[in-house]
């Protein structure tokens, strides 16, 4: 069960969503073509049958442009989520505590104890 009042958990969930499942859409002016993109590069492409009249070259050109737009928007969203994640003082404190723990000397175990 998620604790929505925990800022660290909330920011982590936002970042995870932006990186893995959130999608951005770019659509042609005609509405016959659209591309959904996830920040990780996953694409969903839709081509309406009426768009086939554009011909292969124009269809390819538009789909490439739409894919680039959708991917840029998804990655911008992920960058924003990462910036918000890093700006959270709870995150900074957690990172500091982890670094501090990793820099402590290892416990020395004496034989026979």
Protein backbone atom coordinates (compact mmCIF):
# COMPACT_ATOMS: atom_id res chain seq x y z
CA UNK A 1 0.00 0.00 0.00
CA UNK A 2 1.36 3.39 -1.04
CA UNK A 3 1.71 6.22 1.45
CA UNK A 4 0.81 9.33 -0.58
CA UNK A 5 1.94 11.59 2.25
CA UNK A 6 5.55 10.37 1.96
CA UNK A 7 7.33 12.94 -0.28
CA UNK A 8 10.19 10.59 -1.12
CA UNK A 9 7.83 7.84 -2.20
CA UNK A 10 5.72 10.31 -4.21
CA UNK A 11 8.74 11.73 -6.08
CA UNK A 12 10.09 8.25 -6.72
CA UNK A 13 6.74 7.14 -8.16
CA UNK A 14 6.58 10.24 -10.38
CA UNK A 15 10.09 9.63 -11.70
CA UNK A 16 9.43 5.94 -12.29
CA UNK A 17 6.26 6.74 -14.20
CA UNK A 18 7.96 9.40 -16.33
CA UNK A 19 10.76 7.00 -17.22
CA UNK A 20 8.77 3.84 -17.84
CA UNK A 21 5.08 4.28 -18.60
CA UNK A 22 4.18 7.92 -19.26
CA UNK A 23 3.58 8.61 -22.94
CA UNK A 24 3.56 11.75 -25.01
CA UNK A 25 1.60 12.02 -28.24
CA UNK A 26 2.31 13.86 -31.47
CA UNK A 27 -0.45 13.98 -34.07
CA UNK A 28 -0.57 15.11 -37.68
CA UNK A 29 -2.68 18.14 -38.60
CA UNK A 30 -5.10 15.86 -40.39
CA UNK A 31 -5.39 13.61 -37.35
CA UNK A 32 -4.77 10.61 -39.58
CA UNK A 33 -1.35 9.87 -38.08
CA UNK A 34 -0.23 9.85 -34.47
CA UNK A 35 2.70 8.54 -32.49
CA UNK A 36 2.84 7.88 -28.76
CA UNK A 37 6.32 7.71 -27.24
CA UNK A 38 7.74 6.70 -23.89
CA UNK A 39 11.00 8.22 -22.63
CA UNK A 40 12.70 4.83 -23.04
CA UNK A 41 12.06 4.97 -26.81
CA UNK A 42 9.03 2.69 -26.98
CA UNK A 43 6.72 3.92 -29.77
CA UNK A 44 3.13 3.24 -30.73
CA UNK A 45 2.33 4.35 -34.27
CA UNK A 46 -1.14 4.78 -35.70
CA UNK A 47 -1.82 5.19 -39.42
CA UNK A 48 -5.40 5.70 -40.51
CA UNK A 49 -6.21 4.01 -43.81
CA UNK A 50 -7.03 7.42 -45.34
CA UNK A 51 -3.40 8.48 -44.73
CA UNK A 52 -2.19 5.91 -47.24
CA UNK A 53 -3.12 8.34 -50.01
CA UNK A 54 -0.16 10.48 -48.94
CA UNK A 55 2.23 8.02 -50.55
CA UNK A 56 5.18 6.25 -49.03
CA UNK A 57 7.67 9.11 -48.99
CA UNK A 58 5.32 11.66 -47.40
CA UNK A 59 3.94 9.10 -44.96
CA UNK A 60 7.48 8.18 -43.87
CA UNK A 61 8.50 11.82 -43.54
CA UNK A 62 5.51 12.67 -41.36
CA UNK A 63 5.84 9.58 -39.18
CA UNK A 64 9.54 10.26 -38.55
CA UNK A 65 8.76 13.87 -37.59
CA UNK A 66 5.90 12.81 -35.31
CA UNK A 67 8.05 10.15 -33.65
CA UNK A 68 10.79 12.71 -33.00
CA UNK A 69 8.27 15.18 -31.52
CA UNK A 70 6.62 12.59 -29.29
CA UNK A 71 9.95 11.21 -28.09
CA UNK A 72 11.31 14.70 -27.35
CA UNK A 73 8.20 15.52 -25.31
CA UNK A 74 8.41 12.24 -23.37
CA UNK A 75 12.08 12.76 -22.61
CA UNK A 76 11.45 16.37 -21.60
CA UNK A 77 8.82 15.11 -19.19
CA UNK A 78 11.32 12.60 -17.79
CA UNK A 79 13.99 15.32 -17.42
CA UNK A 80 11.50 17.49 -15.53
CA UNK A 81 10.58 14.59 -13.23
CA UNK A 82 14.28 13.90 -12.61
CA UNK A 83 14.97 17.57 -11.81
CA UNK A 84 12.05 17.62 -9.37
CA UNK A 85 13.29 14.36 -7.85
CA UNK A 86 16.80 15.73 -7.37
CA UNK A 87 15.51 19.04 -5.97
CA UNK A 88 13.61 17.30 -3.19
CA UNK A 89 15.61 17.75 0.05
CA UNK A 90 14.53 14.28 1.19
CA UNK A 91 16.40 12.80 -1.77
CA UNK A 92 19.54 14.78 -1.00
CA UNK A 93 19.42 13.58 2.61
CA UNK A 94 18.96 9.94 1.55
CA UNK A 95 21.91 10.17 -0.85
CA UNK A 96 24.07 11.81 1.84
CA UNK A 97 23.20 9.07 4.35
CA UNK A 98 24.03 6.38 1.80
CA UNK A 99 27.38 7.96 0.94
CA UNK A 100 28.16 8.42 4.62
CA UNK A 101 27.39 4.76 5.33
CA UNK A 102 29.54 3.61 2.41
CA UNK A 103 32.50 5.72 3.61
CA UNK A 104 32.50 4.36 7.15
CA UNK A 105 35.22 1.88 7.97
CA UNK A 106 34.25 -1.75 7.83
CA UNK A 107 33.81 -3.42 11.21
CA UNK A 108 36.87 -5.35 12.31
CA UNK A 109 36.06 -8.82 13.56
CA UNK A 110 38.61 -10.31 15.87
CA UNK A 111 39.17 -14.06 15.72
CA UNK A 112 37.61 -15.96 18.61
CA UNK A 113 35.00 -13.31 19.41
